[in-house]
């Protein structure tokens, strides 16, 4: 395979060659621009996993039931990607933070601070710091989690629904980061949302 065009380290069955369940899965996750993301192309050897993975991603990150501000949900996702060393997910979702955040300068500062560790200071609001502290601990030391960690989120103003979404996003992006790193998936031509997020698929 041409190293410059290689989508992943495993053999990828492209859209033209896909048949049966894989073709159906590609059609189900195809974006509004008609393309299938490299992430799903790289999962072509496990076609039965593509649609459930996409459905779970949409359910936790692009769900109108999610009470988190979209930029904060994306920030949690981005931080997990940074902690796991996944440039694919960190680049895409860092761009989404900038897309959603009402303050462009603050969005840039937050995303840059995730890499450098400078987010945990007085310039970051209490709720954001609490969410990122929880995300860091769950990502790096999951066996040490305790009820006190949930209490800290409540103290910062999150209700139990919002807390549950933080947990879902942090946990699911640990999965995505490992998929992208494990398969060696390269970034596609489109970064982030490139406009409005896709609606939840039926």
N, C-alpha and C. Protein backbone atom coordinates (compact mmCIF):
# COMPACT_ATOMS: atom_id res chain seq x y z
N UNK A 1 0.84 -1.19 0.00
CA UNK A 1 0.00 0.00 0.00
C UNK A 1 0.88 1.24 0.00
N UNK A 2 0.41 2.27 -0.70
CA UNK A 2 1.11 3.55 -0.74
C UNK A 2 1.04 4.18 0.64
N UNK A 3 2.18 4.41 1.30
CA UNK A 3 2.20 4.95 2.65
C UNK A 3 1.50 6.28 2.77
N UNK A 4 1.51 7.10 1.68
CA UNK A 4 0.88 8.41 1.75
C UNK A 4 -0.63 8.32 1.69
N UNK A 5 -1.17 7.26 1.08
CA UNK A 5 -2.61 7.14 0.96
C UNK A 5 -3.20 6.08 1.87
N UNK A 6 -2.35 5.40 2.59
CA UNK A 6 -2.81 4.31 3.45
C UNK A 6 -3.72 4.86 4.55
N UNK A 7 -4.90 4.28 4.66
CA UNK A 7 -5.87 4.71 5.66
C UNK A 7 -5.56 4.13 7.02
N UNK A 8 -5.08 2.89 7.06
CA UNK A 8 -4.81 2.21 8.33
C UNK A 8 -3.74 1.16 8.11
N UNK A 9 -3.29 0.56 9.18
CA UNK A 9 -2.24 -0.46 9.11
C UNK A 9 -2.79 -1.82 8.72
N UNK A 10 -4.09 -1.97 8.72
CA UNK A 10 -4.71 -3.23 8.29
C UNK A 10 -5.33 -3.01 6.91
N UNK A 11 -5.63 -4.11 6.24
CA UNK A 11 -6.25 -4.00 4.92
C UNK A 11 -7.62 -3.35 5.04
N UNK A 12 -7.87 -2.36 4.19
CA UNK A 12 -9.14 -1.64 4.18
C UNK A 12 -9.91 -2.01 2.92
N UNK A 13 -11.14 -2.43 3.10
CA UNK A 13 -12.02 -2.72 1.96
C UNK A 13 -12.72 -1.42 1.60
N UNK A 14 -12.42 -0.88 0.42
CA UNK A 14 -12.98 0.43 0.08
C UNK A 14 -14.45 0.33 -0.29
N UNK A 15 -15.07 1.47 -0.46
CA UNK A 15 -16.51 1.51 -0.69
C UNK A 15 -16.92 0.78 -1.96
N UNK A 16 -16.11 0.91 -3.00
CA UNK A 16 -16.45 0.27 -4.27
C UNK A 16 -16.40 -1.25 -4.19
N UNK A 17 -15.53 -1.77 -3.34
CA UNK A 17 -15.38 -3.23 -3.23
C UNK A 17 -16.28 -3.84 -2.16
N UNK A 18 -16.93 -3.01 -1.36
CA UNK A 18 -17.74 -3.52 -0.25
C UNK A 18 -19.01 -4.18 -0.75
N UNK A 19 -19.36 -5.30 -0.13
CA UNK A 19 -20.60 -6.01 -0.45
C UNK A 19 -21.28 -6.43 0.85
N UNK A 20 -22.52 -6.87 0.73
CA UNK A 20 -23.23 -7.46 1.86
C UNK A 20 -23.31 -6.55 3.07
N UNK A 21 -23.01 -7.13 4.24
CA UNK A 21 -23.13 -6.39 5.50
C UNK A 21 -22.22 -5.16 5.54
N UNK A 22 -21.04 -5.27 4.94
CA UNK A 22 -20.12 -4.13 4.97
C UNK A 22 -20.68 -2.98 4.13
N UNK A 23 -21.20 -3.28 2.95
CA UNK A 23 -21.79 -2.24 2.12
C UNK A 23 -22.96 -1.58 2.84
N UNK A 24 -23.77 -2.38 3.51
CA UNK A 24 -24.90 -1.83 4.27
C UNK A 24 -24.41 -0.93 5.40
N UNK A 25 -23.35 -1.36 6.07
CA UNK A 25 -22.80 -0.56 7.17
C UNK A 25 -22.25 0.76 6.66
N UNK A 26 -21.54 0.73 5.54
CA UNK A 26 -21.02 1.97 4.96
C UNK A 26 -22.17 2.91 4.62
N UNK A 27 -23.22 2.39 4.02
CA UNK A 27 -24.37 3.23 3.67
C UNK A 27 -25.00 3.85 4.92
N UNK A 28 -25.01 3.08 6.01
CA UNK A 28 -25.65 3.56 7.24
C UNK A 28 -24.87 4.69 7.90
N UNK A 29 -23.55 4.70 7.74
CA UNK A 29 -22.73 5.72 8.42
C UNK A 29 -22.20 6.78 7.47
N UNK A 30 -22.63 6.74 6.23
CA UNK A 30 -22.16 7.71 5.24
C UNK A 30 -22.56 9.12 5.66
N UNK A 31 -21.65 10.07 5.56
CA UNK A 31 -21.94 11.44 5.95
C UNK A 31 -22.80 12.17 4.94
N UNK A 32 -23.21 13.38 5.31
CA UNK A 32 -24.07 14.17 4.42
C UNK A 32 -23.35 14.55 3.14
N UNK A 33 -22.01 14.49 3.15
CA UNK A 33 -21.24 14.78 1.93
C UNK A 33 -21.08 13.55 1.05
N UNK A 34 -21.66 12.42 1.47
CA UNK A 34 -21.59 11.20 0.67
C UNK A 34 -20.38 10.33 0.95
N UNK A 35 -19.52 10.76 1.86
CA UNK A 35 -18.30 10.01 2.13
C UNK A 35 -18.39 9.23 3.44
N UNK A 36 -17.62 8.15 3.50
CA UNK A 36 -17.47 7.37 4.73
C UNK A 36 -16.15 7.79 5.37
N UNK A 37 -16.19 8.12 6.66
CA UNK A 37 -14.98 8.57 7.36
C UNK A 37 -13.93 7.45 7.39
N UNK A 38 -12.67 7.88 7.41
CA UNK A 38 -11.57 6.92 7.51
C UNK A 38 -11.73 5.98 8.70
N UNK A 39 -12.26 6.51 9.80
CA UNK A 39 -12.47 5.71 11.00
C UNK A 39 -13.27 4.45 10.68
N UNK A 40 -14.36 4.61 9.93
CA UNK A 40 -15.23 3.47 9.63
C UNK A 40 -14.66 2.62 8.50
N UNK A 41 -13.97 3.24 7.55
CA UNK A 41 -13.30 2.45 6.51
C UNK A 41 -12.27 1.51 7.15
N UNK A 42 -11.58 2.02 8.17
CA UNK A 42 -10.55 1.22 8.84
C UNK A 42 -11.14 0.06 9.63
N UNK A 43 -12.44 0.12 9.90
CA UNK A 43 -13.11 -0.95 10.63
C UNK A 43 -13.74 -1.98 9.68
N UNK A 44 -13.32 -1.95 8.42
CA UNK A 44 -13.98 -2.79 7.40
C UNK A 44 -13.83 -4.28 7.66
N UNK A 45 -12.81 -4.68 8.42
CA UNK A 45 -12.64 -6.11 8.72
C UNK A 45 -13.62 -6.59 9.80
N UNK A 46 -14.26 -5.65 10.48
CA UNK A 46 -15.25 -5.99 11.52
C UNK A 46 -16.56 -5.26 11.21
N UNK A 47 -17.22 -5.59 10.10
CA UNK A 47 -18.38 -4.81 9.67
C UNK A 47 -19.52 -4.79 10.67
N UNK A 48 -19.68 -5.85 11.45
CA UNK A 48 -20.78 -5.89 12.41
C UNK A 48 -20.61 -4.86 13.52
N UNK A 49 -19.39 -4.36 13.70
CA UNK A 49 -19.13 -3.39 14.78
C UNK A 49 -19.36 -1.95 14.33
N UNK A 50 -19.45 -1.70 13.03
CA UNK A 50 -19.47 -0.32 12.54
C UNK A 50 -20.73 0.42 12.97
N UNK A 51 -21.88 -0.14 12.69
CA UNK A 51 -23.12 0.58 13.01
C UNK A 51 -23.35 0.74 14.51
N UNK A 52 -23.15 -0.30 15.33
CA UNK A 52 -23.31 -0.09 16.77
C UNK A 52 -22.34 0.96 17.33
N UNK A 53 -21.11 0.97 16.84
CA UNK A 53 -20.15 1.95 17.32
C UNK A 53 -20.58 3.36 16.95
N UNK A 54 -21.05 3.53 15.72
CA UNK A 54 -21.53 4.84 15.27
C UNK A 54 -22.76 5.27 16.07
N UNK A 55 -23.67 4.34 16.32
CA UNK A 55 -24.89 4.66 17.06
C UNK A 55 -24.55 5.11 18.49
N UNK A 56 -23.59 4.44 19.10
CA UNK A 56 -23.20 4.82 20.47
C UNK A 56 -22.54 6.19 20.47
N UNK A 57 -21.68 6.44 19.50
CA UNK A 57 -21.03 7.76 19.38
C UNK A 57 -22.07 8.87 19.27
N UNK A 58 -23.05 8.68 18.39
CA UNK A 58 -24.09 9.70 18.22
C UNK A 58 -24.94 9.84 19.48
N UNK A 59 -25.20 8.73 20.15
CA UNK A 59 -26.06 8.75 21.33
C UNK A 59 -25.44 9.53 22.48
N UNK A 60 -24.12 9.52 22.58
CA UNK A 60 -23.51 10.23 23.70
C UNK A 60 -23.04 11.63 23.34
N UNK A 61 -22.70 11.88 22.08
CA UNK A 61 -22.12 13.18 21.73
C UNK A 61 -23.06 14.09 20.94
N UNK A 62 -23.95 13.53 20.16
CA UNK A 62 -24.86 14.35 19.35
C UNK A 62 -26.31 13.99 19.66
N UNK A 63 -26.63 14.00 20.92
CA UNK A 63 -27.96 13.62 21.37
C UNK A 63 -28.62 14.83 22.00
N UNK A 64 -29.81 15.23 21.54
CA UNK A 64 -30.47 16.39 22.14
C UNK A 64 -30.80 16.21 23.62
N UNK A 65 -30.76 14.97 24.09
CA UNK A 65 -31.00 14.69 25.51
C UNK A 65 -29.80 15.06 26.38
N UNK A 66 -28.64 15.25 25.76
CA UNK A 66 -27.41 15.55 26.50
C UNK A 66 -27.48 16.99 27.02
N UNK A 67 -27.47 17.19 28.35
CA UNK A 67 -27.60 18.54 28.90
C UNK A 67 -26.30 19.35 28.88
N UNK A 68 -25.19 18.72 28.55
CA UNK A 68 -23.92 19.44 28.52
C UNK A 68 -23.89 20.42 27.36
N UNK A 69 -23.23 21.55 27.56
CA UNK A 69 -22.97 22.43 26.43
C UNK A 69 -22.17 21.63 25.39
N UNK A 70 -22.52 21.75 24.10
CA UNK A 70 -21.80 20.95 23.09
C UNK A 70 -20.28 21.14 23.14
N UNK A 71 -19.83 22.37 23.39
CA UNK A 71 -18.38 22.59 23.43
C UNK A 71 -17.74 21.85 24.60
N UNK A 72 -18.46 21.75 25.74
CA UNK A 72 -17.89 21.03 26.89
C UNK A 72 -17.86 19.53 26.63
N UNK A 73 -18.91 19.01 26.01
CA UNK A 73 -18.91 17.59 25.64
C UNK A 73 -17.72 17.28 24.72
N UNK A 74 -17.49 18.16 23.74
CA UNK A 74 -16.38 17.97 22.81
C UNK A 74 -15.03 18.15 23.52
N UNK A 75 -14.99 19.03 24.52
CA UNK A 75 -13.75 19.24 25.27
C UNK A 75 -13.39 17.98 26.06
N UNK A 76 -14.37 17.36 26.68
CA UNK A 76 -14.13 16.10 27.39
C UNK A 76 -13.59 15.05 26.41
N UNK A 77 -14.23 14.94 25.24
CA UNK A 77 -13.78 13.98 24.23
C UNK A 77 -12.35 14.28 23.79
N UNK A 78 -12.06 15.56 23.58
CA UNK A 78 -10.72 15.95 23.14
C UNK A 78 -9.68 15.63 24.20
N UNK A 79 -10.02 15.86 25.46
CA UNK A 79 -9.05 15.61 26.53
C UNK A 79 -8.73 14.12 26.65
N UNK A 80 -9.73 13.28 26.51
CA UNK A 80 -9.46 11.83 26.52
C UNK A 80 -8.50 11.48 25.38
N UNK A 81 -8.76 12.05 24.21
CA UNK A 81 -7.90 11.77 23.06
C UNK A 81 -6.47 12.23 23.32
N UNK A 82 -6.31 13.40 23.94
CA UNK A 82 -4.98 13.90 24.28
C UNK A 82 -4.30 12.96 25.28
N UNK A 83 -5.03 12.58 26.32
CA UNK A 83 -4.45 11.70 27.35
C UNK A 83 -4.05 10.34 26.79
N UNK A 84 -4.81 9.88 25.79
CA UNK A 84 -4.52 8.58 25.17
C UNK A 84 -3.53 8.69 24.02
N UNK A 85 -3.12 9.92 23.68
CA UNK A 85 -2.19 10.10 22.59
C UNK A 85 -2.77 9.76 21.24
N UNK A 86 -4.03 10.18 20.99
CA UNK A 86 -4.70 9.92 19.71
C UNK A 86 -4.83 11.21 18.92
N UNK A 87 -3.88 11.51 18.02
CA UNK A 87 -3.98 12.74 17.23
C UNK A 87 -5.24 12.78 16.37
N UNK A 88 -5.69 11.63 15.89
CA UNK A 88 -6.89 11.58 15.04
C UNK A 88 -8.07 12.18 15.79
N UNK A 89 -8.36 11.65 16.99
CA UNK A 89 -9.51 12.12 17.75
C UNK A 89 -9.28 13.51 18.33
N UNK A 90 -8.06 13.80 18.78
CA UNK A 90 -7.78 15.11 19.37
C UNK A 90 -7.93 16.22 18.34
N UNK A 91 -7.48 15.99 17.12
CA UNK A 91 -7.57 17.00 16.07
C UNK A 91 -9.02 17.23 15.68
N UNK A 92 -9.76 16.16 15.43
CA UNK A 92 -11.15 16.30 15.02
C UNK A 92 -12.00 16.97 16.10
N UNK A 93 -11.87 16.51 17.32
CA UNK A 93 -12.77 17.02 18.37
C UNK A 93 -12.28 18.33 18.96
N UNK A 94 -10.98 18.60 18.89
CA UNK A 94 -10.49 19.93 19.24
C UNK A 94 -11.06 20.97 18.29
N UNK A 95 -11.16 20.62 17.02
CA UNK A 95 -11.76 21.53 16.05
C UNK A 95 -13.24 21.74 16.37
N UNK A 96 -13.91 20.69 16.84
CA UNK A 96 -15.33 20.82 17.19
C UNK A 96 -15.53 21.74 18.41
N UNK A 97 -14.60 21.70 19.37
CA UNK A 97 -14.68 22.65 20.50
C UNK A 97 -14.68 24.07 19.97
N UNK A 98 -13.77 24.35 19.05
CA UNK A 98 -13.68 25.69 18.47
C UNK A 98 -14.93 26.05 17.68
N UNK A 99 -15.54 25.06 17.06
CA UNK A 99 -16.76 25.29 16.28
C UNK A 99 -17.91 25.69 17.20
N UNK A 100 -18.04 25.03 18.33
CA UNK A 100 -19.19 25.23 19.22
C UNK A 100 -19.02 26.37 20.22
N UNK A 101 -17.80 26.62 20.68
CA UNK A 101 -17.61 27.56 21.79
C UNK A 101 -17.95 28.98 21.34
N UNK A 102 -18.70 29.74 22.14
CA UNK A 102 -19.08 31.10 21.74
C UNK A 102 -17.92 32.09 21.75
N UNK A 103 -16.83 31.76 22.42
CA UNK A 103 -15.66 32.64 22.52
C UNK A 103 -14.48 31.95 21.83
N UNK A 104 -14.14 32.43 20.64
CA UNK A 104 -13.11 31.76 19.84
C UNK A 104 -11.76 31.74 20.55
N UNK A 105 -11.41 32.85 21.20
CA UNK A 105 -10.12 32.90 21.90
C UNK A 105 -10.07 31.92 23.07
N UNK A 106 -11.17 31.85 23.83
CA UNK A 106 -11.22 30.92 24.95
C UNK A 106 -11.17 29.48 24.47
N UNK A 107 -11.85 29.20 23.36
CA UNK A 107 -11.82 27.84 22.81
C UNK A 107 -10.40 27.45 22.43
N UNK A 108 -9.69 28.36 21.77
CA UNK A 108 -8.30 28.07 21.39
C UNK A 108 -7.43 27.86 22.63
N UNK A 109 -7.65 28.70 23.65
CA UNK A 109 -6.86 28.56 24.88
C UNK A 109 -7.10 27.21 25.54
N UNK A 110 -8.37 26.83 25.64
CA UNK A 110 -8.70 25.57 26.31
C UNK A 110 -8.09 24.37 25.57
N UNK A 111 -8.25 24.35 24.26
CA UNK A 111 -7.73 23.21 23.49
C UNK A 111 -6.21 23.14 23.60
N UNK A 112 -5.55 24.31 23.51
CA UNK A 112 -4.09 24.33 23.65
C UNK A 112 -3.68 23.90 25.06
N UNK A 113 -4.47 24.30 26.06
CA UNK A 113 -4.14 23.97 27.45
C UNK A 113 -4.27 22.49 27.75
N UNK A 114 -5.10 21.78 27.00
CA UNK A 114 -5.22 20.34 27.21
C UNK A 114 -3.89 19.64 26.97
N UNK A 115 -3.16 20.11 25.98
CA UNK A 115 -1.86 19.52 25.66
C UNK A 115 -0.82 19.90 26.71
N UNK A 116 -0.84 21.17 27.13
CA UNK A 116 0.19 21.65 28.03
C UNK A 116 -0.13 21.51 29.50
N UNK A 117 -1.37 21.15 29.83
CA UNK A 117 -1.76 21.00 31.23
C UNK A 117 -2.11 22.29 31.92
N UNK A 118 -2.25 23.38 31.18
CA UNK A 118 -2.52 24.68 31.79
C UNK A 118 -3.98 25.01 32.00
N UNK A 119 -4.84 24.02 31.84
CA UNK A 119 -6.28 24.30 31.99
C UNK A 119 -6.71 24.36 33.45
N UNK A 120 -5.93 23.79 34.38
CA UNK A 120 -6.37 23.65 35.77
C UNK A 120 -5.92 24.85 36.60
N UNK A 121 -6.43 26.02 36.21
CA UNK A 121 -6.08 27.26 36.91
C UNK A 121 -7.29 28.17 36.99
N UNK A 122 -7.15 29.33 37.63
CA UNK A 122 -8.29 30.21 37.87
C UNK A 122 -8.90 30.79 36.61
N UNK A 123 -8.16 30.77 35.50
CA UNK A 123 -8.72 31.31 34.25
C UNK A 123 -9.76 30.38 33.65
N UNK A 124 -9.83 29.14 34.12
CA UNK A 124 -10.84 28.18 33.66
C UNK A 124 -11.94 28.10 34.71
N UNK A 125 -13.20 28.14 34.27
CA UNK A 125 -14.31 28.15 35.23
C UNK A 125 -14.38 26.83 36.00
N UNK A 126 -15.02 26.90 37.16
CA UNK A 126 -15.03 25.76 38.09
C UNK A 126 -15.65 24.51 37.47
N UNK A 127 -16.74 24.67 36.74
CA UNK A 127 -17.42 23.50 36.17
C UNK A 127 -16.54 22.80 35.14
N UNK A 128 -15.88 23.59 34.29
CA UNK A 128 -15.00 23.01 33.28
C UNK A 128 -13.83 22.29 33.94
N UNK A 129 -13.25 22.91 34.96
CA UNK A 129 -12.14 22.26 35.66
C UNK A 129 -12.57 20.95 36.31
N UNK A 130 -13.76 20.97 36.92
CA UNK A 130 -14.25 19.75 37.56
C UNK A 130 -14.46 18.63 36.54
N UNK A 131 -15.03 18.98 35.40
CA UNK A 131 -15.27 17.97 34.35
C UNK A 131 -13.95 17.41 33.83
N UNK A 132 -12.95 18.27 33.65
CA UNK A 132 -11.67 17.81 33.14
C UNK A 132 -10.89 17.02 34.19
N UNK A 133 -11.00 17.41 35.45
CA UNK A 133 -10.35 16.62 36.50
C UNK A 133 -10.93 15.20 36.56
N UNK A 134 -12.24 15.14 36.48
CA UNK A 134 -12.89 13.83 36.50
C UNK A 134 -12.45 13.01 35.28
N UNK A 135 -12.44 13.64 34.12
CA UNK A 135 -12.04 12.97 32.89
C UNK A 135 -10.62 12.44 32.98
N UNK A 136 -9.73 13.25 33.52
CA UNK A 136 -8.32 12.83 33.65
C UNK A 136 -8.20 11.60 34.56
N UNK A 137 -8.88 11.64 35.69
CA UNK A 137 -8.76 10.53 36.63
C UNK A 137 -9.37 9.26 36.05
N UNK A 138 -10.55 9.37 35.43
CA UNK A 138 -11.18 8.19 34.85
C UNK A 138 -10.33 7.60 33.73
N UNK A 139 -9.66 8.47 32.98
CA UNK A 139 -8.84 8.02 31.85
C UNK A 139 -7.53 7.38 32.30
N UNK A 140 -6.90 7.94 33.33
CA UNK A 140 -5.56 7.51 33.71
C UNK A 140 -5.52 6.58 34.91
N UNK A 141 -6.54 6.66 35.77
CA UNK A 141 -6.52 5.85 36.99
C UNK A 141 -7.92 5.35 37.32
N UNK A 142 -8.54 4.59 36.43
CA UNK A 142 -9.95 4.21 36.62
C UNK A 142 -10.20 3.40 37.88
N UNK A 143 -9.22 2.64 38.32
CA UNK A 143 -9.40 1.83 39.52
C UNK A 143 -9.48 2.64 40.80
N UNK A 144 -9.10 3.92 40.73
CA UNK A 144 -9.12 4.78 41.91
C UNK A 144 -10.39 5.61 42.03
N UNK A 145 -11.32 5.45 41.09
CA UNK A 145 -12.55 6.25 41.14
C UNK A 145 -13.34 5.93 42.39
N UNK A 146 -13.99 6.97 42.94
CA UNK A 146 -14.80 6.79 44.15
C UNK A 146 -16.02 7.69 44.07
N UNK A 147 -16.93 7.50 45.02
CA UNK A 147 -18.14 8.33 45.06
C UNK A 147 -17.80 9.80 45.26
N UNK A 148 -16.66 10.07 45.87
CA UNK A 148 -16.23 11.45 46.08
C UNK A 148 -16.01 12.17 44.75
N UNK A 149 -15.62 11.44 43.72
CA UNK A 149 -15.42 12.06 42.41
C UNK A 149 -16.75 12.54 41.83
N UNK A 150 -17.81 11.77 42.04
CA UNK A 150 -19.14 12.19 41.62
C UNK A 150 -19.59 13.40 42.44
N UNK A 151 -19.31 13.37 43.73
CA UNK A 151 -19.69 14.49 44.61
C UNK A 151 -19.03 15.79 44.15
N UNK A 152 -17.79 15.70 43.69
CA UNK A 152 -17.09 16.90 43.22
C UNK A 152 -17.77 17.48 41.99
N UNK A 153 -18.27 16.63 41.11
CA UNK A 153 -19.00 17.12 39.94
C UNK A 153 -20.32 17.76 40.36
N UNK A 154 -21.01 17.16 41.30
CA UNK A 154 -22.26 17.76 41.79
C UNK A 154 -21.96 19.14 42.41
N UNK A 155 -20.89 19.22 43.18
CA UNK A 155 -20.52 20.48 43.82
C UNK A 155 -20.25 21.56 42.77
N UNK A 156 -19.76 21.15 41.61
CA UNK A 156 -19.47 22.10 40.53
C UNK A 156 -20.71 22.48 39.73
N UNK A 157 -21.87 21.88 40.06
CA UNK A 157 -23.11 22.28 39.42
C UNK A 157 -23.71 21.29 38.44
N UNK A 158 -23.09 20.13 38.28
CA UNK A 158 -23.62 19.13 37.35
C UNK A 158 -24.66 18.27 38.06
N UNK A 159 -25.79 18.03 37.38
CA UNK A 159 -26.75 17.08 37.92
C UNK A 159 -26.36 15.67 37.46
N UNK A 160 -27.12 14.68 37.91
CA UNK A 160 -26.70 13.30 37.64
C UNK A 160 -26.81 12.92 36.17
N UNK A 161 -27.72 13.56 35.43
CA UNK A 161 -27.79 13.29 33.99
C UNK A 161 -26.53 13.81 33.31
N UNK A 162 -26.14 15.04 33.63
CA UNK A 162 -24.93 15.60 33.03
C UNK A 162 -23.70 14.78 33.42
N UNK A 163 -23.64 14.36 34.68
CA UNK A 163 -22.52 13.53 35.13
C UNK A 163 -22.47 12.22 34.34
N UNK A 164 -23.63 11.63 34.13
CA UNK A 164 -23.68 10.36 33.39
C UNK A 164 -23.20 10.54 31.96
N UNK A 165 -23.49 11.70 31.35
CA UNK A 165 -22.99 11.95 30.00
C UNK A 165 -21.48 12.18 30.00
N UNK A 166 -20.96 12.85 31.01
CA UNK A 166 -19.50 13.01 31.11
C UNK A 166 -18.83 11.64 31.17
N UNK A 167 -19.38 10.76 32.00
CA UNK A 167 -18.82 9.41 32.12
C UNK A 167 -18.91 8.67 30.78
N UNK A 168 -20.07 8.73 30.13
CA UNK A 168 -20.25 8.04 28.85
C UNK A 168 -19.26 8.55 27.81
N UNK A 169 -19.10 9.87 27.72
CA UNK A 169 -18.20 10.43 26.72
C UNK A 169 -16.76 10.05 27.02
N UNK A 170 -16.35 10.21 28.28
CA UNK A 170 -14.97 9.88 28.64
C UNK A 170 -14.67 8.40 28.39
N UNK A 171 -15.60 7.54 28.76
CA UNK A 171 -15.39 6.10 28.59
C UNK A 171 -15.38 5.72 27.11
N UNK A 172 -16.32 6.27 26.34
CA UNK A 172 -16.40 5.88 24.93
C UNK A 172 -15.21 6.41 24.14
N UNK A 173 -14.68 7.56 24.52
CA UNK A 173 -13.53 8.07 23.77
C UNK A 173 -12.24 7.35 24.13
N UNK A 174 -12.21 6.69 25.28
CA UNK A 174 -11.09 5.78 25.53
C UNK A 174 -11.11 4.66 24.50
N UNK A 175 -12.31 4.18 24.16
CA UNK A 175 -12.47 3.17 23.11
C UNK A 175 -12.01 3.72 21.76
N UNK A 176 -12.53 4.90 21.40
CA UNK A 176 -12.21 5.45 20.08
C UNK A 176 -10.72 5.73 19.94
N UNK A 177 -10.11 6.25 21.00
CA UNK A 177 -8.68 6.53 20.93
C UNK A 177 -7.88 5.26 20.70
N UNK A 178 -8.30 4.18 21.32
CA UNK A 178 -7.59 2.91 21.15
C UNK A 178 -7.85 2.30 19.78
N UNK A 179 -9.03 2.51 19.23
CA UNK A 179 -9.30 2.05 17.86
C UNK A 179 -8.40 2.80 16.88
N UNK A 180 -8.36 4.13 16.99
CA UNK A 180 -7.57 4.91 16.04
C UNK A 180 -6.08 4.63 16.20
N UNK A 181 -5.61 4.50 17.43
CA UNK A 181 -4.19 4.21 17.66
C UNK A 181 -3.84 2.78 17.27
N UNK A 182 -4.71 1.84 17.65
CA UNK A 182 -4.42 0.44 17.40
C UNK A 182 -4.40 0.08 15.93
N UNK A 183 -5.28 0.73 15.15
CA UNK A 183 -5.34 0.46 13.71
C UNK A 183 -4.49 1.43 12.90
N UNK A 184 -3.93 2.44 13.56
CA UNK A 184 -3.09 3.39 12.83
C UNK A 184 -3.87 4.21 11.82
N UNK A 185 -5.04 4.67 12.21
CA UNK A 185 -5.92 5.37 11.26
C UNK A 185 -5.41 6.79 11.03
N UNK A 186 -5.31 7.18 9.77
CA UNK A 186 -4.86 8.54 9.47
C UNK A 186 -6.05 9.46 9.31
N UNK A 187 -5.80 10.75 9.53
CA UNK A 187 -6.84 11.76 9.37
C UNK A 187 -7.30 11.81 7.92
N UNK A 188 -8.59 12.09 7.74
CA UNK A 188 -9.12 12.28 6.40
C UNK A 188 -8.96 13.72 5.96
N UNK A 189 -9.59 14.05 4.84
CA UNK A 189 -9.47 15.40 4.29
C UNK A 189 -10.31 16.41 5.05
N UNK A 190 -11.38 15.95 5.70
CA UNK A 190 -12.26 16.84 6.45
C UNK A 190 -11.96 16.71 7.93
N UNK A 191 -11.69 17.84 8.58
CA UNK A 191 -11.38 17.86 10.01
C UNK A 191 -12.58 18.41 10.77
N UNK A 192 -12.97 17.74 11.84
CA UNK A 192 -14.07 18.23 12.66
C UNK A 192 -15.39 18.17 11.94
N UNK A 193 -16.28 19.06 12.37
CA UNK A 193 -17.64 19.03 11.84
C UNK A 193 -17.74 19.59 10.44
N UNK A 194 -16.88 20.56 10.10
CA UNK A 194 -16.96 21.24 8.81
C UNK A 194 -18.38 21.75 8.57
N UNK A 195 -18.95 22.38 9.59
CA UNK A 195 -20.33 22.85 9.51
C UNK A 195 -21.13 22.29 10.65
N UNK A 196 -22.40 22.10 10.43
CA UNK A 196 -23.28 21.59 11.49
C UNK A 196 -23.05 20.11 11.70
N UNK A 197 -23.24 19.62 12.93
CA UNK A 197 -23.09 18.19 13.17
C UNK A 197 -24.16 17.40 12.46
N UNK A 198 -23.83 16.17 12.11
CA UNK A 198 -24.81 15.30 11.47
C UNK A 198 -25.92 14.99 12.46
N UNK A 199 -27.16 14.92 11.99
CA UNK A 199 -28.25 14.54 12.90
C UNK A 199 -28.10 13.09 13.30
N UNK A 200 -28.80 12.73 14.38
CA UNK A 200 -28.79 11.32 14.77
C UNK A 200 -29.40 10.49 13.66
N UNK A 201 -28.72 9.38 13.34
CA UNK A 201 -29.22 8.53 12.26
C UNK A 201 -30.30 7.62 12.78
N UNK A 202 -31.26 7.30 11.92
CA UNK A 202 -32.34 6.38 12.31
C UNK A 202 -31.79 4.97 12.43
